[in-house]
Protein backbone atom coordinates (compact mmCIF):
# COMPACT_ATOMS: atom_id res chain seq x y z
CA MET A 1 37.38 -24.24 -28.18
CA ALA A 2 35.05 -23.71 -25.22
CA THR A 3 36.65 -22.87 -21.89
CA GLN A 4 35.24 -23.41 -18.43
CA ALA A 5 33.68 -20.33 -16.86
CA LEU A 6 35.62 -18.64 -14.08
CA TYR A 7 32.92 -19.18 -11.47
CA ARG A 8 33.11 -22.95 -12.14
CA ARG A 9 36.89 -23.12 -12.42
CA TRP A 10 37.41 -21.22 -9.16
CA ARG A 11 34.56 -22.76 -7.16
CA SER A 12 35.61 -23.24 -3.52
CA ARG A 13 36.69 -26.81 -2.73
CA THR A 14 37.04 -26.59 1.06
CA PHE A 15 35.18 -24.85 3.86
CA ALA A 16 38.19 -22.56 4.39
CA GLU A 17 37.87 -21.25 0.82
CA ILE A 18 34.22 -20.26 1.31
CA LEU A 19 34.42 -16.55 2.14
CA GLY A 20 31.94 -14.44 4.06
CA GLN A 21 29.94 -17.33 5.56
CA ASP A 22 31.97 -18.14 8.68
CA HIS A 23 28.85 -18.61 10.79
CA ILE A 24 27.92 -21.55 8.54
CA THR A 25 31.30 -23.12 7.78
CA ASP A 26 32.36 -23.10 11.45
CA THR A 27 29.13 -24.83 12.50
CA LEU A 28 29.44 -27.50 9.81
CA LEU A 29 33.12 -28.13 10.59
CA ASN A 30 32.40 -28.58 14.30
CA ALA A 31 29.55 -30.98 13.47
CA LEU A 32 31.81 -33.02 11.17
CA ARG A 33 34.56 -33.21 13.78
CA ALA A 34 32.07 -34.41 16.38
CA GLY A 35 30.37 -36.81 13.98
CA ARG A 36 27.00 -35.05 14.41
CA ILE A 37 25.84 -35.10 10.81
CA ALA A 38 22.19 -34.18 10.29
CA HIS A 39 19.99 -35.99 7.80
CA ALA A 40 18.58 -32.77 6.26
CA TYR A 41 19.92 -29.24 5.80
CA LEU A 42 18.26 -26.13 4.43
CA PHE A 43 20.56 -23.53 2.83
CA SER A 44 18.75 -20.25 2.16
CA GLY A 45 20.00 -16.88 0.96
CA PRO A 46 20.52 -14.62 -2.07
CA ARG A 47 21.84 -16.03 -5.33
CA GLY A 48 25.57 -16.37 -5.78
CA THR A 49 26.41 -16.52 -2.07
CA GLY A 50 27.68 -20.13 -2.02
CA LYS A 51 24.70 -22.38 -1.21
CA THR A 52 25.36 -25.04 -3.87
CA THR A 53 29.12 -24.77 -3.37
CA THR A 54 28.76 -25.41 0.36
CA ALA A 55 26.48 -28.38 -0.36
CA ARG A 56 29.14 -29.92 -2.61
CA VAL A 57 31.90 -29.35 -0.06
CA LEU A 58 29.67 -30.96 2.58
CA ALA A 59 29.11 -33.96 0.29
CA LYS A 60 32.88 -34.36 -0.07
CA ALA A 61 33.49 -33.92 3.65
CA VAL A 62 31.06 -36.67 4.72
CA ASN A 63 32.44 -39.11 2.11
CA CYS A 64 36.17 -38.24 2.12
CA LEU A 65 38.47 -41.20 2.74
CA ASP A 66 41.12 -39.04 4.44
CA PRO A 67 39.44 -35.98 6.03
CA GLN A 68 41.72 -33.31 7.51
CA ASP A 69 40.11 -31.95 10.68
CA GLY A 70 36.69 -32.01 9.05
CA GLU A 71 37.91 -30.66 5.70
CA PRO A 72 37.90 -32.85 2.57
CA CYS A 73 41.36 -33.79 1.34
CA ASN A 74 40.53 -33.30 -2.38
CA GLN A 75 43.12 -36.02 -3.14
CA CYS A 76 41.34 -39.32 -2.58
CA ALA A 77 39.34 -41.10 -5.29
CA ILE A 78 36.02 -40.02 -3.80
CA CYS A 79 36.97 -36.31 -3.65
CA ARG A 80 38.34 -36.40 -7.19
CA SER A 81 35.20 -38.01 -8.59
CA LEU A 82 33.02 -35.46 -6.79
CA ASN A 83 35.16 -32.55 -8.02
CA GLU A 84 34.99 -33.84 -11.60
CA GLY A 85 31.24 -34.48 -11.49
CA ARG A 86 31.60 -38.25 -11.99
CA ALA A 87 30.22 -39.42 -8.64
CA LEU A 88 26.88 -41.21 -8.89
CA ASP A 89 26.12 -40.68 -5.21
CA LEU A 90 25.84 -36.90 -5.46
CA ILE A 91 22.42 -36.27 -6.98
CA GLU A 92 21.60 -32.66 -7.85
CA ILE A 93 17.94 -31.92 -8.64
CA ASP A 94 16.60 -28.69 -10.11
CA ALA A 95 13.22 -28.29 -8.43
CA ALA A 96 12.23 -25.55 -10.87
CA SER A 97 11.99 -28.10 -13.71
CA ASN A 98 11.29 -31.21 -11.59
CA ARG A 99 8.60 -29.85 -9.34
CA GLY A 100 5.83 -32.41 -9.63
CA ILE A 101 4.80 -35.35 -7.50
CA ASP A 102 6.02 -37.90 -10.09
CA GLU A 103 9.63 -36.74 -9.75
CA ILE A 104 9.46 -36.98 -5.95
CA ARG A 105 7.94 -40.47 -6.16
CA ASP A 106 10.85 -41.49 -8.38
CA LEU A 107 13.26 -40.05 -5.79
CA ARG A 108 11.55 -42.01 -3.00
CA GLU A 109 11.94 -45.25 -4.93
CA LYS A 110 15.65 -44.74 -5.67
CA ILE A 111 16.70 -43.42 -2.27
CA ALA A 112 16.34 -46.88 -0.73
CA PHE A 113 19.26 -48.23 -2.81
CA SER A 114 22.67 -48.16 -1.15
CA PRO A 115 25.40 -45.81 -2.42
CA SER A 116 27.48 -47.14 -5.28
CA GLU A 117 30.91 -46.04 -4.01
CA CYS A 118 30.49 -43.40 -1.28
CA ARG A 119 29.47 -43.69 2.34
CA TYR A 120 26.45 -41.40 1.87
CA LYS A 121 24.12 -40.53 -0.97
CA VAL A 122 23.73 -36.74 -0.91
CA TYR A 123 20.65 -35.22 -2.55
CA VAL A 124 21.02 -31.50 -3.35
CA VAL A 125 17.61 -30.03 -4.27
CA ASP A 126 18.12 -26.55 -5.73
CA GLU A 127 15.30 -23.94 -5.72
CA VAL A 128 13.29 -26.29 -3.52
CA HIS A 129 10.56 -23.67 -3.00
CA MET A 130 9.39 -24.37 -6.57
CA LEU A 131 8.00 -27.79 -5.61
CA THR A 132 4.22 -28.12 -5.55
CA ASN A 133 2.39 -28.77 -2.29
CA GLU A 134 1.74 -32.38 -3.34
CA ALA A 135 5.45 -32.87 -4.01
CA PHE A 136 6.30 -31.43 -0.58
CA ASN A 137 3.80 -33.78 1.04
CA ALA A 138 5.27 -36.75 -0.81
CA LEU A 139 8.77 -35.73 0.29
CA LEU A 140 7.77 -35.15 3.90
CA LYS A 141 7.94 -38.73 5.19
CA THR A 142 11.21 -39.45 3.41
CA LEU A 143 12.67 -36.20 4.71
CA GLU A 144 11.60 -37.02 8.26
CA GLU A 145 12.97 -40.58 8.32
CA PRO A 146 15.42 -41.06 5.44
CA PRO A 147 17.59 -44.17 5.13
CA PRO A 148 20.79 -43.97 7.20
CA HIS A 149 22.88 -43.63 4.04
CA ALA A 150 21.00 -40.55 2.70
CA ILE A 151 21.52 -36.83 3.37
CA PHE A 152 19.30 -34.06 1.99
CA VAL A 153 20.54 -30.53 1.27
CA LEU A 154 17.72 -28.19 0.24
CA ALA A 155 18.75 -24.85 -1.30
CA THR A 156 16.41 -21.91 -1.86
CA THR A 157 16.28 -18.15 -2.33
CA ALA A 158 12.73 -17.96 -0.91
CA PRO A 159 12.50 -19.89 2.38
CA HIS A 160 9.15 -18.25 3.21
CA LYS A 161 7.55 -20.33 0.43
CA ILE A 162 8.54 -23.63 2.03
CA PRO A 163 5.92 -25.31 4.27
CA MET A 164 6.62 -25.21 7.99
CA THR A 165 6.37 -29.00 8.13
CA VAL A 166 9.46 -29.16 5.90
CA LEU A 167 11.33 -26.35 7.65
CA SER A 168 10.91 -28.04 11.03
CA ARG A 169 12.67 -31.19 9.79
CA CYS A 170 15.83 -29.43 8.56
CA GLN A 171 18.80 -27.67 10.09
CA ARG A 172 18.52 -24.20 8.58
CA PHE A 173 21.52 -22.07 7.58
CA ASP A 174 20.94 -18.54 6.26
CA PHE A 175 23.59 -17.31 3.83
CA ARG A 176 24.33 -13.59 3.78
CA ARG A 177 25.30 -11.26 0.97
CA VAL A 178 29.07 -11.20 0.58
CA THR A 179 30.81 -8.03 1.76
CA LEU A 180 32.88 -5.85 -0.58
CA PRO A 181 36.23 -6.80 1.04
CA HIS A 182 35.51 -10.52 0.56
CA LEU A 183 34.44 -9.98 -3.04
CA LYS A 184 37.54 -7.95 -3.88
CA HIS A 185 39.79 -10.48 -2.13
CA LYS A 186 38.36 -13.35 -4.19
CA LEU A 187 38.65 -11.35 -7.43
CA GLN A 188 42.27 -10.45 -6.64
CA LEU A 189 43.11 -14.12 -6.08
CA ILE A 190 41.53 -15.08 -9.41
CA CYS A 191 43.34 -12.28 -11.28
CA ALA A 192 46.66 -13.31 -9.74
CA GLN A 193 46.18 -16.95 -10.75
CA GLU A 194 44.96 -16.03 -14.24
CA GLY A 195 47.80 -13.54 -14.79
CA VAL A 196 45.42 -10.61 -15.30
CA GLN A 197 46.28 -7.02 -14.33
CA ILE A 198 43.40 -5.02 -12.87
CA GLN A 199 43.33 -1.49 -11.46
CA PRO A 200 41.85 -0.97 -7.95
CA PRO A 201 39.01 1.33 -9.16
CA ALA A 202 37.97 -1.33 -11.68
CA LEU A 203 38.08 -4.00 -8.98
CA ASP A 204 35.90 -1.85 -6.75
CA ALA A 205 33.40 -1.24 -9.58
CA ILE A 206 33.07 -4.98 -10.27
CA ALA A 207 32.51 -5.73 -6.59
CA ARG A 208 29.86 -3.02 -6.32
CA TYR A 209 28.07 -4.25 -9.43
CA ALA A 210 27.92 -7.80 -8.04
CA ALA A 211 25.92 -6.58 -5.00
CA GLY A 212 27.10 -9.41 -2.74
CA SER A 213 27.12 -12.23 -5.33
CA PHE A 214 30.33 -14.15 -6.05
CA ARG A 215 28.89 -15.61 -9.25
CA ASP A 216 27.93 -12.20 -10.69
CA ALA A 217 31.36 -10.77 -9.87
CA GLU A 218 33.23 -13.71 -11.40
CA SER A 219 31.02 -13.72 -14.52
CA LEU A 220 31.69 -10.01 -15.09
CA LEU A 221 35.42 -10.51 -14.55
CA ASP A 222 35.36 -13.36 -17.07
CA GLN A 223 33.67 -11.06 -19.60
CA LEU A 224 36.23 -8.31 -18.99
CA ILE A 225 39.13 -10.73 -19.48
CA SER A 226 37.59 -11.71 -22.82
CA TYR A 227 37.33 -8.00 -23.65
CA GLY A 228 41.00 -8.23 -24.56
CA ALA A 229 42.64 -5.42 -22.59
CA GLU A 230 46.11 -6.05 -21.17
CA GLU A 231 45.04 -4.32 -17.98
CA ILE A 232 41.44 -3.98 -16.85
CA LYS A 233 40.65 -0.31 -16.20
CA LEU A 234 37.61 1.45 -14.82
CA ASP A 235 36.67 2.65 -18.31
CA ASP A 236 36.59 -0.97 -19.50
CA VAL A 237 34.16 -1.88 -16.74
CA ARG A 238 31.95 1.07 -17.64
CA ARG A 239 31.92 0.14 -21.32
CA VAL A 240 30.95 -3.45 -20.60
CA LEU A 241 28.27 -2.45 -18.09
CA GLY A 242 27.04 0.49 -20.18
CA SER A 243 27.44 2.92 -17.30
CA ALA A 244 28.24 6.64 -17.31
CA PRO A 245 31.55 8.15 -16.13
CA GLU A 246 31.70 9.31 -12.53
CA GLU A 247 32.25 12.93 -13.58
CA VAL A 248 28.96 12.88 -15.54
CA ILE A 249 27.04 11.54 -12.53
CA SER A 250 28.66 14.15 -10.30
CA ALA A 251 27.78 16.91 -12.79
CA ILE A 252 24.13 15.79 -12.84
CA VAL A 253 23.99 15.98 -9.04
CA ASP A 254 25.65 19.41 -9.20
CA SER A 255 22.91 20.62 -11.56
CA VAL A 256 20.30 19.49 -9.02
CA ILE A 257 22.06 21.39 -6.23
CA LYS A 258 22.27 24.55 -8.37
CA GLY A 259 18.68 24.22 -9.56
CA ASP A 260 19.80 24.17 -13.20
CA SER A 261 17.37 21.76 -14.84
CA GLY A 262 18.54 22.66 -18.35
CA ALA A 263 22.11 21.56 -17.68
CA GLY A 264 20.91 18.40 -15.94
CA LEU A 265 18.63 17.41 -18.83
CA SER A 266 21.45 18.00 -21.32
CA LEU A 267 23.81 15.77 -19.32
CA ILE A 268 21.19 13.01 -19.05
CA ASN A 269 20.46 13.02 -22.77
CA GLU A 270 24.17 13.11 -23.67
CA ALA A 271 24.72 10.05 -21.47
CA LEU A 272 21.76 8.24 -23.02
CA ASP A 273 22.92 9.12 -26.54
CA SER A 274 26.30 7.56 -25.74
CA GLY A 275 24.61 4.21 -25.06
CA VAL A 276 23.92 4.29 -21.32
CA GLU A 277 20.64 2.61 -20.37
CA PRO A 278 18.14 4.81 -18.50
CA ARG A 279 17.80 2.23 -15.72
CA GLN A 280 21.57 1.97 -15.29
CA LEU A 281 21.93 5.77 -15.27
CA THR A 282 19.19 6.14 -12.65
CA HIS A 283 20.84 3.45 -10.52
CA GLU A 284 24.18 5.27 -10.65
CA ILE A 285 22.60 8.62 -9.75
CA LEU A 286 20.90 6.95 -6.79
CA GLU A 287 24.19 5.39 -5.67
CA HIS A 288 25.86 8.80 -5.83
CA LEU A 289 23.01 10.46 -3.90
CA ARG A 290 23.17 7.71 -1.29
CA ALA A 291 26.89 8.39 -0.82
CA VAL A 292 26.19 12.13 -0.42
CA LEU A 293 23.46 11.30 2.10
CA LEU A 294 25.85 9.12 4.11
CA LEU A 295 28.49 11.87 4.10
CA LYS A 296 25.85 14.37 5.18
CA ASN A 297 25.16 12.19 8.22
CA GLY A 298 28.72 11.26 9.17
CA GLY A 299 28.92 7.93 7.35
CA ALA A 300 32.18 8.45 5.47
CA ASP A 301 33.58 5.16 6.80
CA LEU A 302 30.78 3.29 5.00
CA LEU A 303 32.02 4.40 1.56
CA SER A 304 34.69 2.81 -0.58
CA VAL A 305 35.65 5.45 -3.17
CA THR A 306 38.81 7.15 -4.35
CA PRO A 307 40.05 10.23 -2.43
CA GLU A 308 39.20 12.50 -5.38
CA VAL A 309 35.61 11.26 -5.57
CA LEU A 310 35.28 11.46 -1.78
CA GLN A 311 36.41 15.09 -1.83
CA GLU A 312 33.88 15.96 -4.55
CA MET A 313 31.05 14.19 -2.70
CA THR A 314 31.95 15.92 0.56
CA ALA A 315 31.71 19.33 -1.14
CA GLN A 316 28.31 18.38 -2.56
CA ALA A 317 27.09 17.23 0.85
CA GLU A 318 28.00 20.62 2.34
CA ARG A 319 26.00 22.48 -0.36
CA PHE A 320 22.99 20.14 -0.39
CA PRO A 321 20.33 21.02 2.25
CA LEU A 322 19.16 17.85 3.96
CA PRO A 323 15.41 18.28 3.22
CA ARG A 324 16.11 18.78 -0.50
CA LEU A 325 18.55 15.86 -0.50
CA LEU A 326 15.95 13.55 1.03
CA ARG A 327 13.33 14.71 -1.48
CA THR A 328 15.76 14.19 -4.36
CA VAL A 329 16.59 10.64 -3.26
CA ARG A 330 12.88 9.81 -3.06
CA LEU A 331 12.21 11.31 -6.51
CA PHE A 332 14.95 9.30 -8.24
CA ASN A 333 13.99 6.17 -6.34
CA GLU A 334 10.42 6.61 -7.60
CA ALA A 335 11.75 7.18 -11.11
CA SER A 336 13.70 3.90 -10.98
CA ASN A 337 10.44 2.09 -10.24
CA ASN A 338 8.59 3.85 -13.08
CA LEU A 339 11.16 3.36 -15.83
CA LYS A 340 9.73 1.48 -18.80
CA THR A 341 11.05 0.58 -22.19
CA GLY A 342 9.61 2.46 -25.12
CA LEU A 343 9.77 5.77 -26.92
CA HIS A 344 9.84 7.84 -23.72
CA SER A 345 11.66 5.40 -21.46
CA GLN A 346 13.80 8.20 -20.01
CA LEU A 347 10.84 10.46 -19.17
CA PRO A 348 10.53 9.38 -15.48
CA LEU A 349 14.23 10.15 -15.04
CA GLU A 350 13.85 13.59 -16.65
CA LEU A 351 10.77 14.38 -14.57
CA ALA A 352 12.63 13.43 -11.40
CA LEU A 353 15.52 15.73 -12.29
CA VAL A 354 13.27 18.70 -13.16
CA GLU A 355 11.28 18.32 -9.95
CA ALA A 356 14.46 17.85 -7.91
CA THR A 357 15.90 21.14 -9.23
CA LEU A 358 12.92 23.08 -7.86
CA THR A 359 13.45 24.96 -4.65
CA ASP A 360 11.38 24.12 -1.59
CA GLY A 361 9.04 26.99 -2.37
CA GLN A 362 8.59 25.91 -5.98
CA ALA A 363 7.97 22.33 -4.91
CA THR A 364 5.00 23.52 -2.86
CA LEU A 365 2.33 23.64 -5.50
CA SER A 366 0.01 26.00 -3.71
CA GLU A 367 2.43 28.91 -3.96
CA PRO A 368 5.24 29.86 -6.36
CA GLY A 369 8.80 29.57 -5.16
CA PRO A 370 10.99 32.52 -4.23
CA GLY A 371 12.78 34.27 -7.03
CA THR A 372 10.32 33.14 -9.70
CA ASP A 373 7.86 35.20 -11.67
CA ALA A 374 4.52 34.20 -10.30
CA ALA A 375 1.61 33.79 -12.67
CA PRO A 376 -0.65 36.85 -12.80
CA GLN A 377 -3.29 36.73 -10.10
CA PRO A 378 -6.81 38.02 -10.85
CA GLU A 379 -7.95 41.00 -8.85
CA PRO A 380 -10.27 40.00 -6.03
CA VAL A 381 -13.92 40.66 -6.72
CA PRO A 382 -15.17 43.41 -4.39
CA GLN A 383 -17.80 42.09 -2.05
CA SER A 384 -20.46 44.45 -0.71
CA PRO A 385 -21.76 43.90 2.78
CA PRO A 386 -24.90 41.76 2.85
CA ALA A 387 -28.14 43.70 2.65
CA ALA A 388 -30.49 43.79 5.60
CA PRO A 389 -33.03 40.98 5.43
CA PRO A 390 -36.38 42.28 4.10
CA VAL A 391 -39.54 42.12 6.12
CA VAL A 392 -41.63 39.23 4.87
CA SER A 393 -45.17 38.14 5.52
CA GLY A 394 -46.12 34.91 7.18
CA GLU A 395 -46.90 33.23 3.85
CA ASP A 396 -43.54 34.28 2.41
CA ALA A 397 -41.76 32.96 5.49
CA GLN A 398 -43.57 29.67 5.15
CA ALA A 399 -42.52 29.45 1.50
CA ARG A 400 -38.85 30.09 2.42
CA GLU A 401 -38.94 27.42 5.07
CA GLY A 402 -40.06 24.88 2.49
CA GLY A 403 -43.54 24.40 3.96
CA THR A 404 -46.56 22.99 2.12
CA GLY A 405 -47.84 26.49 1.46
CA SER A 406 -45.06 27.05 -1.07
CA ALA A 407 -47.30 25.57 -3.77
CA ASP A 408 -49.18 28.91 -3.91
CA VAL A 409 -45.99 30.85 -4.62
CA ALA A 410 -45.47 31.97 -8.23
CA PRO A 411 -42.90 30.00 -10.24
CA SER A 412 -40.85 33.14 -10.84
CA SER A 413 -40.21 33.46 -7.11
CA GLN A 414 -39.12 29.79 -6.92
CA ALA A 415 -36.58 30.38 -9.68
CA GLY A 416 -34.75 32.82 -7.44
CA ALA A 417 -35.44 36.18 -9.09
CA PRO A 418 -33.13 38.98 -7.91
CA GLN A 419 -34.31 40.64 -4.73
CA ALA A 420 -32.81 42.83 -2.06
CA GLY A 421 -30.67 39.91 -0.84
CA ALA A 422 -29.38 38.94 -4.30
CA PRO A 423 -26.21 36.85 -4.53
CA ARG A 424 -22.83 38.55 -4.69
CA PRO A 425 -21.00 38.77 -8.07
CA ALA A 426 -18.68 35.84 -7.27
CA GLU A 427 -21.63 33.59 -6.51
CA ALA A 428 -23.36 34.74 -9.66
CA SER A 429 -20.38 33.85 -11.86
CA ALA A 430 -20.08 30.44 -10.21
CA GLY A 431 -23.75 29.84 -10.80
CA ALA A 432 -23.39 30.81 -14.44
CA ALA A 433 -20.59 28.30 -14.86
CA ASP A 434 -22.60 25.51 -13.22
CA THR A 435 -25.73 26.09 -15.25
CA GLY A 436 -23.93 26.67 -18.52
CA ALA A 437 -25.31 30.21 -18.88
CA SER A 438 -23.38 32.90 -20.75
CA PRO A 439 -20.48 34.26 -18.68
CA PRO A 440 -20.47 37.87 -17.52
CA ALA A 441 -19.00 40.54 -19.74
CA GLY A 442 -15.19 40.50 -19.90
CA ILE A 443 -14.91 36.74 -19.21
CA PRO A 444 -14.41 34.56 -22.32
CA GLU A 445 -16.79 31.74 -23.06
CA LEU A 446 -15.10 28.45 -22.13
CA THR A 447 -15.01 26.06 -25.07
CA ARG A 448 -12.62 23.41 -26.31
CA SER A 449 -11.51 25.62 -29.22
CA TRP A 450 -10.80 28.55 -26.87
CA LEU A 451 -8.76 26.24 -24.64
CA GLN A 452 -6.76 24.96 -27.62
CA GLU A 453 -6.04 28.53 -28.77
CA ASN A 454 -4.82 29.54 -25.30
CA TRP A 455 -2.98 26.29 -24.50
CA GLY A 456 0.43 27.90 -25.03
CA ALA A 457 -0.42 30.75 -22.65
CA PHE A 458 -1.63 28.19 -20.11
CA LEU A 459 1.66 26.26 -20.26
CA GLN A 460 3.61 29.50 -19.95
CA ALA A 461 1.58 30.46 -16.87
CA ILE A 462 2.11 27.08 -15.20
CA ARG A 463 5.86 26.94 -15.86
CA PRO A 464 7.00 29.11 -12.90
CA ARG A 465 4.76 27.13 -10.57
CA ASN A 466 5.89 23.64 -11.46
CA ARG A 467 8.07 22.71 -14.42
CA ALA A 468 7.44 19.00 -13.93
CA VAL A 469 3.70 19.54 -14.40
CA GLU A 470 4.40 21.63 -17.50
CA ALA A 471 6.43 18.73 -18.95
CA LEU A 472 3.54 16.35 -18.27
CA LEU A 473 1.02 18.66 -19.95
CA LYS A 474 3.09 18.77 -23.13
CA SER A 475 2.06 15.16 -23.76
CA CYS A 476 -1.70 15.84 -23.61
CA GLU A 477 -4.39 17.92 -25.31
CA PRO A 478 -7.78 19.32 -24.30
CA MET A 479 -10.37 16.62 -24.93
CA ALA A 480 -13.69 18.12 -23.80
CA VAL A 481 -15.26 21.00 -21.84
CA GLN A 482 -18.53 20.46 -20.01
CA GLY A 483 -19.71 23.14 -17.61
CA ASP A 484 -16.93 23.76 -15.11
CA ARG A 485 -15.14 20.49 -15.91
CA VAL A 486 -12.22 20.30 -18.35
CA THR A 487 -11.14 16.86 -19.58
CA LEU A 488 -7.49 16.47 -20.62
CA GLY A 489 -6.56 13.57 -22.91
CA PHE A 490 -3.20 11.80 -22.50
CA TYR A 491 -1.43 9.45 -24.90
CA HIS A 492 0.23 7.40 -22.13
CA SER A 493 -1.25 6.05 -18.91
CA PHE A 494 1.89 6.95 -16.93
CA HIS A 495 1.46 10.65 -17.78
CA ARG A 496 -2.22 10.49 -16.88
CA GLU A 497 -1.49 8.86 -13.50
CA LYS A 498 1.18 11.42 -12.59
CA THR A 499 -1.04 14.35 -13.59
CA SER A 500 -3.99 12.91 -11.63
CA GLU A 501 -2.05 13.10 -8.36
CA ASP A 502 -3.70 15.59 -6.02
CA ARG A 503 -0.80 18.03 -5.82
CA ASN A 504 -0.33 18.13 -9.61
CA ARG A 505 -4.04 18.39 -10.41
CA GLN A 506 -4.39 21.21 -7.86
CA VAL A 507 -1.81 23.44 -9.54
CA ILE A 508 -3.42 22.78 -12.96
CA GLU A 509 -6.89 23.70 -11.69
CA GLU A 510 -5.63 26.89 -10.00
CA THR A 511 -3.76 28.11 -13.08
CA LEU A 512 -6.55 27.19 -15.48
CA SER A 513 -9.16 28.90 -13.27
CA GLU A 514 -7.11 32.10 -13.23
CA LEU A 515 -6.74 32.02 -17.01
CA ALA A 516 -10.46 31.40 -17.63
CA GLY A 517 -11.67 33.75 -14.89
CA ARG A 518 -13.88 31.16 -13.20
CA PRO A 519 -13.36 28.11 -10.94
CA LEU A 520 -12.72 24.96 -12.96
CA ARG A 521 -12.17 21.30 -12.27
CA VAL A 522 -9.83 19.03 -14.24
CA LYS A 523 -10.31 15.38 -15.20
CA CYS A 524 -7.56 13.25 -16.78
CA ALA A 525 -8.34 10.51 -19.33
CA LEU A 526 -6.63 8.42 -21.98
CA LEU A 527 -7.10 9.35 -25.62
CA GLU A 528 -8.87 6.89 -27.88
CA GLY A 529 -5.61 6.32 -29.73
CA ASP A 530 -4.37 4.45 -26.65
CA ARG A 531 -7.25 1.97 -26.70
CA GLU A 532 -4.93 -1.04 -26.96
CA GLN A 533 -2.99 0.05 -23.87
CA LYS A 534 -6.24 0.59 -21.96
CA GLU A 535 -7.41 -2.89 -22.91
CA GLN A 536 -4.11 -4.35 -21.75
CA GLU A 537 -4.38 -2.52 -18.43
CA SER A 538 -7.97 -3.71 -18.02
CA GLU A 539 -6.91 -7.28 -18.77
CA ALA A 540 -4.08 -7.01 -16.22
CA ARG A 541 -6.47 -5.71 -13.55
CA ARG A 542 -8.94 -8.53 -14.23
CA ARG A 543 -6.12 -11.07 -14.01
CA GLU A 544 -4.93 -9.63 -10.68
CA GLU A 545 -8.47 -9.71 -9.28
CA LEU A 546 -8.84 -13.32 -10.41
CA LEU A 547 -5.56 -14.35 -8.78
CA ASP A 548 -6.69 -12.71 -5.55
CA ASN A 549 -9.56 -15.21 -5.38
CA PRO A 550 -8.69 -17.82 -2.68
CA VAL A 551 -9.93 -20.73 -4.81
CA VAL A 552 -7.88 -19.69 -7.85
CA ARG A 553 -4.82 -18.99 -5.69
CA GLU A 554 -5.10 -22.46 -4.15
CA ALA A 555 -5.32 -24.05 -7.61
CA VAL A 556 -2.23 -22.17 -8.79
CA GLU A 557 -0.11 -22.91 -5.71
CA ARG A 558 -1.21 -26.50 -5.10
CA TYR A 559 -1.72 -27.89 -8.61
CA GLY A 560 0.47 -25.55 -10.66
CA ALA A 561 -2.54 -24.24 -12.59
CA LYS A 562 -2.20 -21.30 -15.00
CA VAL A 563 -4.66 -18.60 -16.02
CA ILE A 564 -5.13 -19.03 -19.80
CA ASP A 565 -8.13 -16.84 -20.58
CA ILE A 566 -10.67 -14.68 -18.73
CA GLN A 567 -14.21 -14.63 -20.14
């Protein structure tokens, strides 16, 4: 037999029961006491903060037969019918599925009829920002001068998408995210009424997961009650959410502080093998790092954790240098944005950990970090002092200055034959690389096969400089060599984009140049095997460019048009 969800069963029925929105409930109560009821309200704010609930309480308050100081009595026939969803004079419209002009025209025709049993007909339009511009224009006149028996309550999570002409005709109330104390208080009340035992750490975890949303918190609590445990514990919450234990998260952060990437990678993969989602694990690591950052800057009063966890985080904050901590937070935040589903969905998380374990010196790509074995540096080429300029005749001087008399000069002199002022050895080797001539003795000829044979030595040389770059290069292979340019082929566009970043490409070019004995440039490309992904990316770029067109954007926003195909 189906049961009613907790968030519906324990929906607030009076303004006093609406928690965390005192700036709204107090204003509405004072208006009801004074009889100053507006004809249109706009409730905006994040999901699950009480917008629709407040609209229903307002509908009861304006129609209640026996109001108590502005509050609905919840005992009269009107209040009971509204609570049970039987009242015909409370009309709730989902603008996401009724967004066209025809639905608004139908509303305009029916709004003129008097209420069937209540004093006011209350129209609650949810997700009102989804209406088309034509629908807004059709609603405008009715919204400005509705019948005296009609009240509009518009609810939205995106008030910036509503036309100013509509905003100016409503009293606007901005709902805020619910604080942790209010969330925990509401959950405790529900558990007490439902006869459910819950441990404080589990209660705190549910409230944190909800992120300011009553509905999310109550839905998770409902799921945990169905889980079947006699008492809800923190481990139960973690199992349902698929999150890692706190000691695992703390150990991962410890590995970053110690610079032990091997231990950190092992912990991450153990957590993922146990069923934790990469996105959830990254989120928890970020939450832990944020707590350490707050403790580092005297924000202990902003945290709500157990004394044991607080002690562990405080010790980590003392051992974590602030510059490295800031860099680590940025790295994991970037990883959370780059996480994708697929075979290597955890790779951004692993890259962030490896790069975070590097010391400040290792993170600087231009020089190896302290305490690491730097890659072997080639001996500098000795440079002899420039020879004295030879004495030249007038015709020779004219030829050097690029005058018209240079046509009489022999072709061999134009080709730059060696003279007293011949180029230095370094310039000669660079010239040989540019022209494709044979390299000097002792320097191997650069070919794709030579690069493939020495790829392992190249990775070994780059490891002490940047382990994150080494991890990226393991997913590519040499594609082509042309002159002084080496093209590396990648199987995934994410790896190619990360490697193409200036700081990563610089360390690759430096190491590869040292190995080959000549200056080289690196180009990153996708392998032909990833043609389908490249076509998808090209299609996405073309679609974005099309949607940036003002005419197309106007058609989408005003008429609800959709891009079907791009020729």
